[in-house]
Amino acid sequence: MDAIKGCNASLWTPRAVAYRRKKNINDLELLPAVVIMEMVKAQASGVAFSCDPQSGRRDMLVIKAIAIQVGVYLLRHLKSNCLLPVKSQ
């Protein structure tokens, strides 16, 4: 439960609030979610972005993957052995 509370609290960090102000996103329009999944033994880690984080293009889904179990490192540093851009339909 503490981890879920931490996720919700992260919406109100100075950086998150500044980002919303810059993008003109109303605080009352936020739809946060926390996904709880069972841990599985994996051979790779990755993260998917619903838009291209470099260009901001919303018609591109970007998947970054790395072949070792370093999901936290991948999320923090966004360095990857594999970059797979996929054009959205």
PDB file of N, CA and C in Angstrom:
ATOM      1  N   MET A   1       0.812  -1.191   0.000  1.00  0.00           N
ATOM      2  CA  MET A   1       0.000   0.000   0.000  1.00  0.00           C
ATOM      3  C   MET A   1       0.869   1.273   0.000  1.00  0.00           C
ATOM      4  N   ASP A   2       2.006   1.198   0.679  1.00  0.00           N
ATOM      5  CA  ASP A   2       2.897   2.371   0.724  1.00  0.00           C
ATOM      6  C   ASP A   2       3.408   2.723  -0.675  1.00  0.00           C
ATOM      7  N   ALA A   3       3.691   1.693  -1.484  1.00  0.00           N
ATOM      8  CA  ALA A   3       4.181   1.945  -2.845  1.00  0.00           C
ATOM      9  C   ALA A   3       3.110   2.644  -3.679  1.00  0.00           C
ATOM     10  N   ILE A   4       1.861   2.257  -3.513  1.00  0.00           N
ATOM     11  CA  ILE A   4       0.765   2.895  -4.252  1.00  0.00           C
ATOM     12  C   ILE A   4       0.619   4.347  -3.809  1.00  0.00           C
ATOM     13  N   LYS A   5       0.708   4.585  -2.526  1.00  0.00           N
ATOM     14  CA  LYS A   5       0.639   5.962  -2.014  1.00  0.00           C
ATOM     15  C   LYS A   5       1.794   6.791  -2.565  1.00  0.00           C
ATOM     16  N   GLY A   6       2.976   6.171  -2.682  1.00  0.00           N
ATOM     17  CA  GLY A   6       4.138   6.864  -3.235  1.00  0.00           C
ATOM     18  C   GLY A   6       3.931   7.239  -4.694  1.00  0.00           C
ATOM     19  N   CYS A   7       3.302   6.333  -5.454  1.00  0.00           N
ATOM     20  CA  CYS A   7       2.999   6.639  -6.863  1.00  0.00           C
ATOM     21  C   CYS A   7       2.073   7.842  -6.955  1.00  0.00           C
ATOM     22  N   ASN A   8       1.043   7.840  -6.131  1.00  0.00           N
ATOM     23  CA  ASN A   8       0.096   8.964  -6.137  1.00  0.00           C
ATOM     24  C   ASN A   8       0.780  10.259  -5.704  1.00  0.00           C
ATOM     25  N   ALA A   9       1.636  10.172  -4.691  1.00  0.00           N
ATOM     26  CA  ALA A   9       2.345  11.369  -4.202  1.00  0.00           C
ATOM     27  C   ALA A   9       3.269  11.943  -5.274  1.00  0.00           C
ATOM     28  N   SER A  10       3.773  11.088  -6.163  1.00  0.00           N
ATOM     29  CA  SER A  10       4.691  11.567  -7.199  1.00  0.00           C
ATOM     30  C   SER A  10       4.017  12.538  -8.169  1.00  0.00           C
ATOM     31  N   LEU A  11       2.692  12.542  -8.203  1.00  0.00           N
ATOM     32  CA  LEU A  11       1.966  13.506  -9.043  1.00  0.00           C
ATOM     33  C   LEU A  11       2.156  14.940  -8.573  1.00  0.00           C
ATOM     34  N   TRP A  12       2.583  15.105  -7.332  1.00  0.00           N
ATOM     35  CA  TRP A  12       2.646  16.431  -6.737  1.00  0.00           C
ATOM     36  C   TRP A  12       4.066  16.888  -6.455  1.00  0.00           C
ATOM     37  N   THR A  13       5.052  16.234  -7.059  1.00  0.00           N
ATOM     38  CA  THR A  13       6.426  16.711  -6.918  1.00  0.00           C
ATOM     39  C   THR A  13       6.551  18.029  -7.689  1.00  0.00           C
ATOM     40  N   PRO A  14       7.479  18.884  -7.304  1.00  0.00           N
ATOM     41  CA  PRO A  14       7.632  20.149  -8.034  1.00  0.00           C
ATOM     42  C   PRO A  14       7.844  19.932  -9.540  1.00  0.00           C
ATOM     43  N   ARG A  15       8.598  18.911  -9.897  1.00  0.00           N
ATOM     44  CA  ARG A  15       8.862  18.640 -11.315  1.00  0.00           C
ATOM     45  C   ARG A  15       7.570  18.253 -12.049  1.00  0.00           C
ATOM     46  N   ALA A  16       6.749  17.380 -11.432  1.00  0.00           N
ATOM     47  CA  ALA A  16       5.504  16.953 -12.069  1.00  0.00           C
ATOM     48  C   ALA A  16       4.527  18.120 -12.208  1.00  0.00           C
ATOM     49  N   VAL A  17       4.432  18.930 -11.176  1.00  0.00           N
ATOM     50  CA  VAL A  17       3.531  20.083 -11.223  1.00  0.00           C
ATOM     51  C   VAL A  17       4.006  21.081 -12.282  1.00  0.00           C
ATOM     52  N   ALA A  18       5.315  21.345 -12.334  1.00  0.00           N
ATOM     53  CA  ALA A  18       5.862  22.271 -13.331  1.00  0.00           C
ATOM     54  C   ALA A  18       5.595  21.771 -14.751  1.00  0.00           C
ATOM     55  N   TYR A  19       5.730  20.466 -14.974  1.00  0.00           N
ATOM     56  CA  TYR A  19       5.460  19.883 -16.293  1.00  0.00           C
ATOM     57  C   TYR A  19       4.006  20.115 -16.684  1.00  0.00           C
ATOM     58  N   ARG A  20       3.090  19.883 -15.750  1.00  0.00           N
ATOM     59  CA  ARG A  20       1.668  20.100 -16.069  1.00  0.00           C
ATOM     60  C   ARG A  20       1.383  21.568 -16.363  1.00  0.00           C
ATOM     61  N   ARG A  21       2.006  22.461 -15.624  1.00  0.00           N
ATOM     62  CA  ARG A  21       1.798  23.896 -15.870  1.00  0.00           C
ATOM     63  C   ARG A  21       2.313  24.262 -17.266  1.00  0.00           C
ATOM     64  N   LYS A  22       3.495  23.749 -17.611  1.00  0.00           N
ATOM     65  CA  LYS A  22       4.100  24.041 -18.915  1.00  0.00           C
ATOM     66  C   LYS A  22       3.230  23.525 -20.056  1.00  0.00           C
ATOM     67  N   LYS A  23       2.607  22.359 -19.853  1.00  0.00           N
ATOM     68  CA  LYS A  23       1.778  21.724 -20.887  1.00  0.00           C
ATOM     69  C   LYS A  23       0.305  22.092 -20.775  1.00  0.00           C
ATOM     70  N   ASN A  24      -0.018  23.019 -19.857  1.00  0.00           N
ATOM     71  CA  ASN A  24      -1.406  23.447 -19.634  1.00  0.00           C
ATOM     72  C   ASN A  24      -2.338  22.274 -19.345  1.00  0.00           C
ATOM     73  N   ILE A  25      -1.885  21.365 -18.471  1.00  0.00           N
ATOM     74  CA  ILE A  25      -2.698  20.229 -18.047  1.00  0.00           C
ATOM     75  C   ILE A  25      -3.308  20.567 -16.687  1.00  0.00           C
ATOM     76  N   ASN A  26      -4.620  20.522 -16.608  1.00  0.00           N
ATOM     77  CA  ASN A  26      -5.342  20.834 -15.391  1.00  0.00           C
ATOM     78  C   ASN A  26      -5.170  19.694 -14.386  1.00  0.00           C
ATOM     79  N   ASP A  27      -4.853  20.017 -13.146  1.00  0.00           N
ATOM     80  CA  ASP A  27      -4.686  18.998 -12.109  1.00  0.00           C
ATOM     81  C   ASP A  27      -5.931  18.136 -11.948  1.00  0.00           C
ATOM     82  N   LEU A  28      -7.101  18.702 -12.166  1.00  0.00           N
ATOM     83  CA  LEU A  28      -8.354  17.964 -11.993  1.00  0.00           C
ATOM     84  C   LEU A  28      -8.633  16.996 -13.144  1.00  0.00           C
ATOM     85  N   GLU A  29      -7.842  17.085 -14.219  1.00  0.00           N
ATOM     86  CA  GLU A  29      -8.035  16.196 -15.365  1.00  0.00           C
ATOM     87  C   GLU A  29      -7.119  14.970 -15.314  1.00  0.00           C
ATOM     88  N   LEU A  30      -6.330  14.861 -14.247  1.00  0.00           N
ATOM     89  CA  LEU A  30      -5.406  13.734 -14.136  1.00  0.00           C
ATOM     90  C   LEU A  30      -6.165  12.428 -13.949  1.00  0.00           C
ATOM     91  N   LEU A  31      -5.695  11.391 -14.621  1.00  0.00           N
ATOM     92  CA  LEU A  31      -6.263  10.062 -14.464  1.00  0.00           C
ATOM     93  C   LEU A  31      -5.127   9.087 -14.141  1.00  0.00           C
ATOM     94  N   PRO A  32      -4.609   9.155 -12.909  1.00  0.00           N
ATOM     95  CA  PRO A  32      -3.482   8.295 -12.562  1.00  0.00           C
ATOM     96  C   PRO A  32      -3.921   6.838 -12.441  1.00  0.00           C
ATOM     97  N   ALA A  33      -2.955   5.950 -12.629  1.00  0.00           N
ATOM     98  CA  ALA A  33      -3.228   4.519 -12.479  1.00  0.00           C
ATOM     99  C   ALA A  33      -1.990   3.841 -11.929  1.00  0.00           C
ATOM    100  N   VAL A  34      -2.204   2.804 -11.181  1.00  0.00           N
ATOM    101  CA  VAL A  34      -1.127   1.966 -10.686  1.00  0.00           C
ATOM    102  C   VAL A  34      -1.432   0.551 -11.146  1.00  0.00           C
ATOM    103  N   VAL A  35      -0.486  -0.059 -11.829  1.00  0.00           N
ATOM    104  CA  VAL A  35      -0.653  -1.428 -12.306  1.00  0.00           C
ATOM    105  C   VAL A  35       0.118  -2.348 -11.371  1.00  0.00           C
ATOM    106  N   ILE A  36      -0.551  -3.355 -10.863  1.00  0.00           N
ATOM    107  CA  ILE A  36       0.089  -4.330  -9.988  1.00  0.00           C
ATOM    108  C   ILE A  36       0.142  -5.648 -10.749  1.00  0.00           C
ATOM    109  N   MET A  37       1.363  -6.149 -10.918  1.00  0.00           N
ATOM    110  CA  MET A  37       1.552  -7.373 -11.688  1.00  0.00           C
ATOM    111  C   MET A  37       2.403  -8.359 -10.895  1.00  0.00           C
ATOM    112  N   GLU A  38       2.205  -9.619 -11.163  1.00  0.00           N
ATOM    113  CA  GLU A  38       3.029 -10.652 -10.564  1.00  0.00           C
ATOM    114  C   GLU A  38       4.419 -10.598 -11.191  1.00  0.00           C
ATOM    115  N   MET A  39       5.445 -10.724 -10.365  1.00  0.00           N
ATOM    116  CA  MET A  39       6.811 -10.750 -10.868  1.00  0.00           C
ATOM    117  C   MET A  39       7.059 -12.091 -11.550  1.00  0.00           C
ATOM    118  N   VAL A  40       7.693 -12.052 -12.691  1.00  0.00           N
ATOM    119  CA  VAL A  40       8.035 -13.271 -13.418  1.00  0.00           C
ATOM    120  C   VAL A  40       9.523 -13.246 -13.718  1.00  0.00           C
ATOM    121  N   LYS A  41      10.103 -14.428 -13.864  1.00  0.00           N
ATOM    122  CA  LYS A  41      11.513 -14.509 -14.244  1.00  0.00           C
ATOM    123  C   LYS A  41      11.620 -14.104 -15.708  1.00  0.00           C
ATOM    124  N   ALA A  42      12.374 -13.074 -15.984  1.00  0.00           N
ATOM    125  CA  ALA A  42      12.459 -12.535 -17.342  1.00  0.00           C
ATOM    126  C   ALA A  42      13.885 -12.638 -17.873  1.00  0.00           C
ATOM    127  N   GLN A  43      13.989 -12.688 -19.173  1.00  0.00           N
ATOM    128  CA  GLN A  43      15.294 -12.679 -19.820  1.00  0.00           C
ATOM    129  C   GLN A  43      15.625 -11.301 -20.378  1.00  0.00           C
ATOM    130  N   ALA A  44      14.666 -10.404 -20.351  1.00  0.00           N
ATOM    131  CA  ALA A  44      14.873  -9.040 -20.842  1.00  0.00           C
ATOM    132  C   ALA A  44      13.960  -8.109 -20.075  1.00  0.00           C
ATOM    133  N   SER A  45      14.302  -6.846 -20.067  1.00  0.00           N
ATOM    134  CA  SER A  45      13.480  -5.817 -19.449  1.00  0.00           C
ATOM    135  C   SER A  45      13.219  -4.737 -20.483  1.00  0.00           C
ATOM    136  N   GLY A  46      12.131  -4.009 -20.303  1.00  0.00           N
ATOM    137  CA  GLY A  46      11.850  -2.947 -21.249  1.00  0.00           C
ATOM    138  C   GLY A  46      10.772  -2.013 -20.745  1.00  0.00           C
ATOM    139  N   VAL A  47      10.555  -0.992 -21.516  1.00  0.00           N
ATOM    140  CA  VAL A  47       9.511  -0.020 -21.215  1.00  0.00           C
ATOM    141  C   VAL A  47       8.922   0.436 -22.547  1.00  0.00           C
ATOM    142  N   ALA A  48       7.614   0.679 -22.558  1.00  0.00           N
ATOM    143  CA  ALA A  48       6.949   1.163 -23.770  1.00  0.00           C
ATOM    144  C   ALA A  48       6.415   2.565 -23.506  1.00  0.00           C
ATOM    145  N   PHE A  49       6.593   3.429 -24.466  1.00  0.00           N
ATOM    146  CA  PHE A  49       6.104   4.804 -24.374  1.00  0.00           C
ATOM    147  C   PHE A  49       4.961   4.964 -25.363  1.00  0.00           C
ATOM    148  N   SER A  50       3.878   5.591 -24.941  1.00  0.00           N
ATOM    149  CA  SER A  50       2.719   5.767 -25.826  1.00  0.00           C
ATOM    150  C   SER A  50       2.938   6.861 -26.856  1.00  0.00           C
ATOM    151  N   CYS A  51       4.032   7.594 -26.733  1.00  0.00           N
ATOM    152  CA  CYS A  51       4.453   8.533 -27.771  1.00  0.00           C
ATOM    153  C   CYS A  51       5.979   8.553 -27.766  1.00  0.00           C
ATOM    154  N   ASP A  52       6.564   9.061 -28.815  1.00  0.00           N
ATOM    155  CA  ASP A  52       8.018   9.102 -28.921  1.00  0.00           C
ATOM    156  C   ASP A  52       8.553  10.133 -27.933  1.00  0.00           C
ATOM    157  N   PRO A  53       9.305   9.703 -26.903  1.00  0.00           N
ATOM    158  CA  PRO A  53       9.778  10.659 -25.900  1.00  0.00           C
ATOM    159  C   PRO A  53      10.791  11.662 -26.442  1.00  0.00           C
ATOM    160  N   GLN A  54      11.425  11.364 -27.561  1.00  0.00           N
ATOM    161  CA  GLN A  54      12.408  12.286 -28.134  1.00  0.00           C
ATOM    162  C   GLN A  54      11.740  13.358 -28.988  1.00  0.00           C
ATOM    163  N   SER A  55      10.823  12.940 -29.846  1.00  0.00           N
ATOM    164  CA  SER A  55      10.207  13.894 -30.778  1.00  0.00           C
ATOM    165  C   SER A  55       8.857  14.401 -30.301  1.00  0.00           C
ATOM    166  N   GLY A  56       8.211  13.662 -29.384  1.00  0.00           N
ATOM    167  CA  GLY A  56       6.877  14.026 -28.938  1.00  0.00           C
ATOM    168  C   GLY A  56       5.777  13.541 -29.874  1.00  0.00           C
ATOM    169  N   ARG A  57       6.155  12.850 -30.939  1.00  0.00           N
ATOM    170  CA  ARG A  57       5.157  12.356 -31.900  1.00  0.00           C
ATOM    171  C   ARG A  57       4.212  11.377 -31.218  1.00  0.00           C
ATOM    172  N   ARG A  58       2.931  11.644 -31.322  1.00  0.00           N
ATOM    173  CA  ARG A  58       1.930  10.791 -30.700  1.00  0.00           C
ATOM    174  C   ARG A  58       1.469   9.669 -31.613  1.00  0.00           C
ATOM    175  N   ASP A  59       1.979   9.663 -32.850  1.00  0.00           N
ATOM    176  CA  ASP A  59       1.617   8.575 -33.762  1.00  0.00           C
ATOM    177  C   ASP A  59       2.669   7.467 -33.731  1.00  0.00           C
ATOM    178  N   MET A  60       3.608   7.548 -32.784  1.00  0.00           N
ATOM    179  CA  MET A  60       4.654   6.541 -32.657  1.00  0.00           C
ATOM    180  C   MET A  60       4.638   5.953 -31.250  1.00  0.00           C
ATOM    181  N   LEU A  61       4.643   4.633 -31.175  1.00  0.00           N
ATOM    182  CA  LEU A  61       4.835   3.908 -29.932  1.00  0.00           C
ATOM    183  C   LEU A  61       6.297   3.499 -29.924  1.00  0.00           C
ATOM    184  N   VAL A  62       7.011   3.747 -28.835  1.00  0.00           N
ATOM    185  CA  VAL A  62       8.422   3.412 -28.770  1.00  0.00           C
ATOM    186  C   VAL A  62       8.630   2.396 -27.652  1.00  0.00           C
ATOM    187  N   ILE A  63       9.305   1.305 -27.995  1.00  0.00           N
ATOM    188  CA  ILE A  63       9.627   0.269 -27.025  1.00  0.00           C
ATOM    189  C   ILE A  63      11.137   0.237 -26.876  1.00  0.00           C
ATOM    190  N   LYS A  64      11.621   0.370 -25.654  1.00  0.00           N
ATOM    191  CA  LYS A  64      13.055   0.271 -25.378  1.00  0.00           C
ATOM    192  C   LYS A  64      13.253  -0.986 -24.547  1.00  0.00           C
ATOM    193  N   ALA A  65      14.169  -1.822 -24.971  1.00  0.00           N
ATOM    194  CA  ALA A  65      14.412  -3.081 -24.277  1.00  0.00           C
ATOM    195  C   ALA A  65      15.895  -3.288 -24.058  1.00  0.00           C
ATOM    196  N   ILE A  66      16.209  -4.066 -23.051  1.00  0.00           N
ATOM    197  CA  ILE A  66      17.589  -4.406 -22.754  1.00  0.00           C
ATOM    198  C   ILE A  66      17.620  -5.888 -22.389  1.00  0.00           C
ATOM    199  N   ALA A  67      18.655  -6.573 -22.778  1.00  0.00           N
ATOM    200  CA  ALA A  67      18.689  -8.029 -22.704  1.00  0.00           C
ATOM    201  C   ALA A  67      19.086  -8.585 -21.340  1.00  0.00           C
ATOM    202  N   ILE A  68      19.260  -7.722 -20.350  1.00  0.00           N
ATOM    203  CA  ILE A  68      19.534  -8.215 -19.008  1.00  0.00           C
ATOM    204  C   ILE A  68      18.510  -7.629 -18.059  1.00  0.00           C
ATOM    205  N   GLN A  69      18.417  -8.174 -16.890  1.00  0.00           N
ATOM    206  CA  GLN A  69      17.360  -7.794 -15.954  1.00  0.00           C
ATOM    207  C   GLN A  69      17.716  -6.516 -15.197  1.00  0.00           C
ATOM    208  N   VAL A  70      17.578  -5.415 -15.868  1.00  0.00           N
ATOM    209  CA  VAL A  70      17.916  -4.131 -15.253  1.00  0.00           C
ATOM    210  C   VAL A  70      16.812  -3.113 -15.540  1.00  0.00           C
ATOM    211  N   GLY A  71      15.578  -3.491 -15.297  1.00  0.00           N
ATOM    212  CA  GLY A  71      14.447  -2.614 -15.586  1.00  0.00           C
ATOM    213  C   GLY A  71      14.542  -1.262 -14.915  1.00  0.00           C
ATOM    214  N   VAL A  72      14.951  -1.232 -13.648  1.00  0.00           N
ATOM    215  CA  VAL A  72      15.061   0.040 -12.929  1.00  0.00           C
ATOM    216  C   VAL A  72      16.107   0.927 -13.595  1.00  0.00           C
ATOM    217  N   TYR A  73      17.269   0.335 -13.958  1.00  0.00           N
ATOM    218  CA  TYR A  73      18.302   1.106 -14.646  1.00  0.00           C
ATOM    219  C   TYR A  73      17.769   1.645 -15.969  1.00  0.00           C
ATOM    220  N   LEU A  74      17.057   0.807 -16.701  1.00  0.00           N
ATOM    221  CA  LEU A  74      16.507   1.208 -17.998  1.00  0.00           C
ATOM    222  C   LEU A  74      15.555   2.386 -17.833  1.00  0.00           C
ATOM    223  N   LEU A  75      14.692   2.306 -16.847  1.00  0.00           N
ATOM    224  CA  LEU A  75      13.729   3.388 -16.636  1.00  0.00           C
ATOM    225  C   LEU A  75      14.400   4.678 -16.215  1.00  0.00           C
ATOM    226  N   ARG A  76      15.424   4.575 -15.399  1.00  0.00           N
ATOM    227  CA  ARG A  76      16.103   5.785 -14.911  1.00  0.00           C
ATOM    228  C   ARG A  76      16.975   6.425 -15.969  1.00  0.00           C
ATOM    229  N   HIS A  77      17.659   5.629 -16.768  1.00  0.00           N
ATOM    230  CA  HIS A  77      18.655   6.158 -17.695  1.00  0.00           C
ATOM    231  C   HIS A  77      18.234   6.073 -19.160  1.00  0.00           C
ATOM    232  N   LEU A  78      17.207   5.307 -19.446  1.00  0.00           N
ATOM    233  CA  LEU A  78      16.674   5.175 -20.798  1.00  0.00           C
ATOM    234  C   LEU A  78      17.753   4.807 -21.809  1.00  0.00           C
ATOM    235  N   LYS A  79      18.706   3.985 -21.384  1.00  0.00           N
ATOM    236  CA  LYS A  79      19.724   3.475 -22.298  1.00  0.00           C
ATOM    237  C   LYS A  79      19.318   2.061 -22.657  1.00  0.00           C
ATOM    238  N   SER A  80      19.490   1.716 -23.907  1.00  0.00           N
ATOM    239  CA  SER A  80      18.930   0.458 -24.351  1.00  0.00           C
ATOM    240  C   SER A  80      19.773  -0.174 -25.440  1.00  0.00           C
ATOM    241  N   ASN A  81      19.776  -1.499 -25.449  1.00  0.00           N
ATOM    242  CA  ASN A  81      20.393  -2.229 -26.546  1.00  0.00           C
ATOM    243  C   ASN A  81      19.460  -2.290 -27.749  1.00  0.00           C
ATOM    244  N   CYS A  82      18.193  -2.068 -27.540  1.00  0.00           N
ATOM    245  CA  CYS A  82      17.203  -2.239 -28.600  1.00  0.00           C
ATOM    246  C   CYS A  82      16.185  -1.115 -28.542  1.00  0.00           C
ATOM    247  N   LEU A  83      15.954  -0.466 -29.649  1.00  0.00           N
ATOM    248  CA  LEU A  83      14.944   0.582 -29.771  1.00  0.00           C
ATOM    249  C   LEU A  83      14.030   0.188 -30.910  1.00  0.00           C
ATOM    250  N   LEU A  84      12.747   0.071 -30.613  1.00  0.00           N
ATOM    251  CA  LEU A  84      11.787  -0.372 -31.612  1.00  0.00           C
ATOM    252  C   LEU A  84      10.667   0.658 -31.747  1.00  0.00           C
ATOM    253  N   PRO A  85      10.749   1.579 -32.709  1.00  0.00           N
ATOM    254  CA  PRO A  85       9.634   2.494 -32.934  1.00  0.00           C
ATOM    255  C   PRO A  85       8.558   1.798 -33.758  1.00  0.00           C
ATOM    256  N   VAL A  86       7.320   2.010 -33.399  1.00  0.00           N
ATOM    257  CA  VAL A  86       6.188   1.388 -34.090  1.00  0.00           C
ATOM    258  C   VAL A  86       5.186   2.479 -34.404  1.00  0.00           C
ATOM    259  N   LYS A  87       4.816   2.647 -35.654  1.00  0.00           N
ATOM    260  CA  LYS A  87       3.843   3.655 -36.053  1.00  0.00           C
ATOM    261  C   LYS A  87       2.458   3.237 -35.587  1.00  0.00           C
ATOM    262  N   SER A  88       1.780   4.131 -34.879  1.00  0.00           N
ATOM    263  CA  SER A  88       0.429   3.864 -34.382  1.00  0.00           C
ATOM    264  C   SER A  88      -0.565   3.911 -35.526  1.00  0.00           C
ATOM    265  N   GLN A  89      -1.649   3.208 -35.378  1.00  0.00           N
ATOM    266  CA  GLN A  89      -2.700   3.206 -36.403  1.00  0.00           C
ATOM    267  C   GLN A  89      -3.724   4.278 -36.110  1.00  0.00           C
TER     268      GLN A  89
END
